[in-house]
Amino acid sequence: MSEDKCSCRKPKPGMMLAAQKKYNLDLSKSYLVGDAISDIQASVAANTTPIFVLSGRGNPTDLSTVYGPIKVLDHIGDAANYICGDLR
């Protein structure tokens, strides 16, 4: 199998699904912070809450291809603060 077709390669959710099984995670209560559209697509496919950070390589206009609410923040520190605040 080619690496490009592996379910572990984003935008496929294989990495998150493997972590879910290994660590007994509730993905619906999990977050994925990413800086590329493929990260957000994988998050949506795995039923996690996506957070898009602008400090990376992604372009927020690409988010129009993904359905659902997507939080957009400046950088990963903002994402951490958002998640910690959301969990209180």
C-alpha atoms as a PDB file:
ATOM      1  CA  MET A   1       0.000   0.000   0.000  1.00  0.00           C
ATOM      2  CA  SER A   2       1.299   3.406  -0.918  1.00  0.00           C
ATOM      3  CA  GLU A   3       1.862   5.822   1.967  1.00  0.00           C
ATOM      4  CA  ASP A   4      -0.456   8.293   0.231  1.00  0.00           C
ATOM      5  CA  LYS A   5      -3.348   5.817   0.506  1.00  0.00           C
ATOM      6  CA  CYS A   6      -2.737   4.976   4.177  1.00  0.00           C
ATOM      7  CA  SER A   7      -5.696   5.789   6.437  1.00  0.00           C
ATOM      8  CA  CYS A   8      -3.167   7.366   8.805  1.00  0.00           C
ATOM      9  CA  ARG A   9      -2.469  10.203   6.334  1.00  0.00           C
ATOM     10  CA  LYS A  10      -4.540  13.335   6.777  1.00  0.00           C
ATOM     11  CA  PRO A  11      -7.191  14.215   5.707  1.00  0.00           C
ATOM     12  CA  LYS A  12      -8.158  10.644   6.573  1.00  0.00           C
ATOM     13  CA  PRO A  13      -8.890  10.169  10.295  1.00  0.00           C
ATOM     14  CA  GLY A  14      -6.822   7.004  10.818  1.00  0.00           C
ATOM     15  CA  MET A  15      -4.424   8.496  13.392  1.00  0.00           C
ATOM     16  CA  MET A  16      -7.267   9.755  15.561  1.00  0.00           C
ATOM     17  CA  LEU A  17      -9.213   6.504  15.250  1.00  0.00           C
ATOM     18  CA  ALA A  18      -6.135   4.511  16.278  1.00  0.00           C
ATOM     19  CA  ALA A  19      -5.614   6.781  19.303  1.00  0.00           C
ATOM     20  CA  GLN A  20      -9.296   6.443  20.170  1.00  0.00           C
ATOM     21  CA  LYS A  21      -9.013   2.667  20.256  1.00  0.00           C
ATOM     22  CA  LYS A  22      -5.642   2.543  22.039  1.00  0.00           C
ATOM     23  CA  TYR A  23      -6.475   5.111  24.741  1.00  0.00           C
ATOM     24  CA  ASN A  24     -10.267   4.675  24.926  1.00  0.00           C
ATOM     25  CA  LEU A  25     -10.878   8.309  23.929  1.00  0.00           C
ATOM     26  CA  ASP A  26     -14.204   9.986  23.350  1.00  0.00           C
ATOM     27  CA  LEU A  27     -13.396  11.812  20.134  1.00  0.00           C
ATOM     28  CA  SER A  28     -16.587  13.860  20.359  1.00  0.00           C
ATOM     29  CA  LYS A  29     -15.023  15.484  23.441  1.00  0.00           C
ATOM     30  CA  SER A  30     -11.599  15.897  21.821  1.00  0.00           C
ATOM     31  CA  TYR A  31      -9.990  18.741  19.897  1.00  0.00           C
ATOM     32  CA  LEU A  32      -7.662  18.812  16.931  1.00  0.00           C
ATOM     33  CA  VAL A  33      -5.571  21.943  16.447  1.00  0.00           C
ATOM     34  CA  GLY A  34      -4.213  22.308  12.947  1.00  0.00           C
ATOM     35  CA  ASP A  35      -2.661  24.761  10.552  1.00  0.00           C
ATOM     36  CA  ALA A  36      -3.698  23.133   7.277  1.00  0.00           C
ATOM     37  CA  ILE A  37      -6.988  22.268   5.640  1.00  0.00           C
ATOM     38  CA  SER A  38      -6.096  18.559   5.770  1.00  0.00           C
ATOM     39  CA  ASP A  39      -5.879  18.809   9.585  1.00  0.00           C
ATOM     40  CA  ILE A  40      -9.370  20.287   9.748  1.00  0.00           C
ATOM     41  CA  GLN A  41     -10.762  17.716   7.308  1.00  0.00           C
ATOM     42  CA  ALA A  42      -9.305  14.910   9.445  1.00  0.00           C
ATOM     43  CA  SER A  43     -10.785  16.478  12.577  1.00  0.00           C
ATOM     44  CA  VAL A  44     -14.256  16.628  11.042  1.00  0.00           C
ATOM     45  CA  ALA A  45     -13.943  13.045   9.748  1.00  0.00           C
ATOM     46  CA  ALA A  46     -12.967  11.835  13.230  1.00  0.00           C
ATOM     47  CA  ASN A  47     -15.775  13.813  14.925  1.00  0.00           C
ATOM     48  CA  THR A  48     -13.378  15.950  16.978  1.00  0.00           C
ATOM     49  CA  THR A  49     -13.706  19.707  17.473  1.00  0.00           C
ATOM     50  CA  PRO A  50     -11.476  21.448  14.916  1.00  0.00           C
ATOM     51  CA  ILE A  51      -9.445  24.553  15.707  1.00  0.00           C
ATOM     52  CA  PHE A  52      -7.625  26.220  12.832  1.00  0.00           C
ATOM     53  CA  VAL A  53      -4.553  28.300  13.711  1.00  0.00           C
ATOM     54  CA  LEU A  54      -3.366  31.036  11.386  1.00  0.00           C
ATOM     55  CA  SER A  55       0.293  30.819  12.417  1.00  0.00           C
ATOM     56  CA  GLY A  56       0.978  27.869  10.150  1.00  0.00           C
ATOM     57  CA  ARG A  57       0.812  27.020   6.494  1.00  0.00           C
ATOM     58  CA  GLY A  58      -2.937  27.009   6.062  1.00  0.00           C
ATOM     59  CA  ASN A  59      -5.156  29.522   4.388  1.00  0.00           C
ATOM     60  CA  PRO A  60      -8.445  30.277   6.151  1.00  0.00           C
ATOM     61  CA  THR A  61     -10.235  30.667   2.830  1.00  0.00           C
ATOM     62  CA  ASP A  62      -9.722  26.902   2.351  1.00  0.00           C
ATOM     63  CA  LEU A  63     -12.114  26.333   5.258  1.00  0.00           C
ATOM     64  CA  SER A  64     -15.043  26.954   2.936  1.00  0.00           C
ATOM     65  CA  THR A  65     -14.596  23.346   1.756  1.00  0.00           C
ATOM     66  CA  VAL A  66     -15.272  21.967   5.261  1.00  0.00           C
ATOM     67  CA  TYR A  67     -18.749  21.802   6.755  1.00  0.00           C
ATOM     68  CA  GLY A  68     -19.552  22.785  10.307  1.00  0.00           C
ATOM     69  CA  PRO A  69     -18.323  25.328  12.828  1.00  0.00           C
ATOM     70  CA  ILE A  70     -14.576  25.812  12.853  1.00  0.00           C
ATOM     71  CA  LYS A  71     -12.882  28.013  15.423  1.00  0.00           C
ATOM     72  CA  VAL A  72     -10.127  30.136  13.867  1.00  0.00           C
ATOM     73  CA  LEU A  73      -7.419  31.531  16.158  1.00  0.00           C
ATOM     74  CA  ASP A  74      -4.103  33.297  15.650  1.00  0.00           C
ATOM     75  CA  HIS A  75      -1.754  30.683  17.118  1.00  0.00           C
ATOM     76  CA  ILE A  76      -1.512  27.523  19.191  1.00  0.00           C
ATOM     77  CA  GLY A  77      -1.305  29.456  22.466  1.00  0.00           C
ATOM     78  CA  ASP A  78      -4.713  30.947  21.717  1.00  0.00           C
ATOM     79  CA  ALA A  79      -5.993  27.450  20.951  1.00  0.00           C
ATOM     80  CA  ALA A  80      -4.716  26.146  24.294  1.00  0.00           C
ATOM     81  CA  ASN A  81      -6.374  29.031  26.136  1.00  0.00           C
ATOM     82  CA  TYR A  82      -9.616  28.438  24.244  1.00  0.00           C
ATOM     83  CA  ILE A  83      -9.625  24.710  25.022  1.00  0.00           C
ATOM     84  CA  CYS A  84      -8.789  25.239  28.705  1.00  0.00           C
ATOM     85  CA  GLY A  85     -11.512  27.869  28.983  1.00  0.00           C
ATOM     86  CA  ASP A  86     -13.983  25.619  27.191  1.00  0.00           C
ATOM     87  CA  LEU A  87     -13.302  22.765  29.586  1.00  0.00           C
ATOM     88  CA  ARG A  88     -14.029  24.779  32.733  1.00  0.00           C
END
